[in-house]
Amino acid sequence: MLKPGDPAPDFEVKDHHGNTVRLSDLRGRKVVLWFYPKADTPG
């Protein structure tokens, strides 16, 4: 369990274009993760 102030572990996800994005690739930048249920979107 992470505690406030702990560094986030590295992980990777697919963006909305299908490209793989790794947290480590964004080091030093602000990152916002936005999860949206696909069931509520068309397609």
N, C-alpha and C. Protein backbone atom coordinates (compact mmCIF):
# COMPACT_ATOMS: atom_id res chain seq x y z
N MET A 1 0.85 -1.18 0.00
CA MET A 1 0.00 0.00 0.00
C MET A 1 0.89 1.24 0.00
N LEU A 2 0.63 2.11 -0.93
CA LEU A 2 1.38 3.37 -0.99
C LEU A 2 0.87 4.33 0.08
N LYS A 3 1.78 5.13 0.56
CA LYS A 3 1.42 6.16 1.53
C LYS A 3 1.60 7.51 0.84
N PRO A 4 0.91 8.54 1.31
CA PRO A 4 1.10 9.86 0.71
C PRO A 4 2.58 10.23 0.67
N GLY A 5 3.05 10.68 -0.48
CA GLY A 5 4.44 11.05 -0.65
C GLY A 5 5.31 9.94 -1.22
N ASP A 6 4.81 8.69 -1.22
CA ASP A 6 5.57 7.59 -1.82
C ASP A 6 5.59 7.76 -3.34
N PRO A 7 6.70 7.39 -3.98
CA PRO A 7 6.72 7.45 -5.44
C PRO A 7 5.83 6.35 -6.02
N ALA A 8 5.18 6.65 -7.10
CA ALA A 8 4.31 5.67 -7.75
C ALA A 8 5.18 4.62 -8.43
N PRO A 9 4.75 3.36 -8.39
CA PRO A 9 5.50 2.33 -9.11
C PRO A 9 5.35 2.53 -10.62
N ASP A 10 6.34 2.08 -11.37
CA ASP A 10 6.26 2.21 -12.83
C ASP A 10 5.18 1.27 -13.35
N PHE A 11 4.44 1.71 -14.33
CA PHE A 11 3.42 0.89 -14.98
C PHE A 11 3.23 1.39 -16.40
N GLU A 12 2.52 0.61 -17.20
CA GLU A 12 2.23 1.04 -18.56
C GLU A 12 0.76 0.81 -18.86
N VAL A 13 0.21 1.68 -19.70
CA VAL A 13 -1.18 1.60 -20.13
C VAL A 13 -1.25 1.98 -21.60
N LYS A 14 -2.35 1.67 -22.23
CA LYS A 14 -2.60 2.08 -23.61
C LYS A 14 -3.39 3.39 -23.57
N ASP A 15 -3.00 4.34 -24.41
CA ASP A 15 -3.76 5.58 -24.50
C ASP A 15 -4.93 5.40 -25.46
N HIS A 16 -5.68 6.45 -25.69
CA HIS A 16 -6.88 6.36 -26.53
C HIS A 16 -6.56 6.13 -28.00
N HIS A 17 -5.28 6.18 -28.36
CA HIS A 17 -4.86 5.87 -29.73
C HIS A 17 -4.26 4.46 -29.83
N GLY A 18 -4.20 3.76 -28.69
CA GLY A 18 -3.64 2.41 -28.68
C GLY A 18 -2.14 2.38 -28.46
N ASN A 19 -1.53 3.53 -28.21
CA ASN A 19 -0.08 3.59 -27.95
C ASN A 19 0.22 3.26 -26.50
N THR A 20 1.31 2.55 -26.25
CA THR A 20 1.72 2.23 -24.89
C THR A 20 2.41 3.44 -24.28
N VAL A 21 1.99 3.82 -23.08
CA VAL A 21 2.58 4.94 -22.35
C VAL A 21 3.07 4.39 -21.02
N ARG A 22 4.33 4.67 -20.69
CA ARG A 22 4.91 4.22 -19.42
C ARG A 22 5.07 5.42 -18.49
N LEU A 23 4.77 5.20 -17.24
CA LEU A 23 4.92 6.28 -16.27
C LEU A 23 6.36 6.77 -16.24
N SER A 24 7.32 5.87 -16.35
CA SER A 24 8.73 6.27 -16.31
C SER A 24 9.09 7.19 -17.48
N ASP A 25 8.37 7.10 -18.60
CA ASP A 25 8.62 8.00 -19.73
C ASP A 25 8.20 9.43 -19.43
N LEU A 26 7.39 9.61 -18.42
CA LEU A 26 6.86 10.93 -18.07
C LEU A 26 7.50 11.52 -16.82
N ARG A 27 8.59 10.91 -16.38
CA ARG A 27 9.25 11.36 -15.15
C ARG A 27 9.54 12.85 -15.21
N GLY A 28 9.22 13.56 -14.13
CA GLY A 28 9.45 15.00 -14.03
C GLY A 28 8.29 15.83 -14.55
N ARG A 29 7.27 15.18 -15.10
CA ARG A 29 6.10 15.90 -15.61
C ARG A 29 4.91 15.57 -14.72
N LYS A 30 3.94 16.46 -14.69
CA LYS A 30 2.71 16.18 -13.96
C LYS A 30 1.87 15.21 -14.77
N VAL A 31 1.27 14.25 -14.09
CA VAL A 31 0.49 13.21 -14.76
C VAL A 31 -0.89 13.12 -14.12
N VAL A 32 -1.92 13.09 -14.94
CA VAL A 32 -3.28 12.89 -14.47
C VAL A 32 -3.81 11.62 -15.14
N LEU A 33 -4.30 10.69 -14.35
CA LEU A 33 -4.92 9.48 -14.90
C LEU A 33 -6.42 9.66 -14.84
N TRP A 34 -7.06 9.43 -15.96
CA TRP A 34 -8.50 9.59 -16.04
C TRP A 34 -9.07 8.27 -16.54
N PHE A 35 -9.76 7.57 -15.65
CA PHE A 35 -10.39 6.30 -16.00
C PHE A 35 -11.86 6.56 -16.30
N TYR A 36 -12.31 6.05 -17.44
CA TYR A 36 -13.69 6.26 -17.85
C TYR A 36 -14.26 4.92 -18.28
N PRO A 37 -15.41 4.53 -17.73
CA PRO A 37 -15.96 3.23 -18.09
C PRO A 37 -16.38 3.17 -19.56
N LYS A 38 -15.85 2.21 -20.27
CA LYS A 38 -16.16 2.09 -21.70
C LYS A 38 -17.65 1.85 -21.94
N ALA A 39 -18.33 1.27 -20.97
CA ALA A 39 -19.76 0.98 -21.13
C ALA A 39 -20.57 2.26 -21.32
N ASP A 40 -20.04 3.40 -20.87
CA ASP A 40 -20.77 4.67 -20.98
C ASP A 40 -20.34 5.47 -22.21
N THR A 41 -19.55 4.86 -23.08
CA THR A 41 -19.09 5.57 -24.27
C THR A 41 -19.56 4.84 -25.53
N PRO A 42 -19.77 5.56 -26.60
CA PRO A 42 -20.17 4.87 -27.84
C PRO A 42 -19.00 4.05 -28.39
N GLY A 43 -19.32 3.00 -29.09
CA GLY A 43 -18.31 2.20 -29.76
C GLY A 43 -17.91 1.03 -29.00
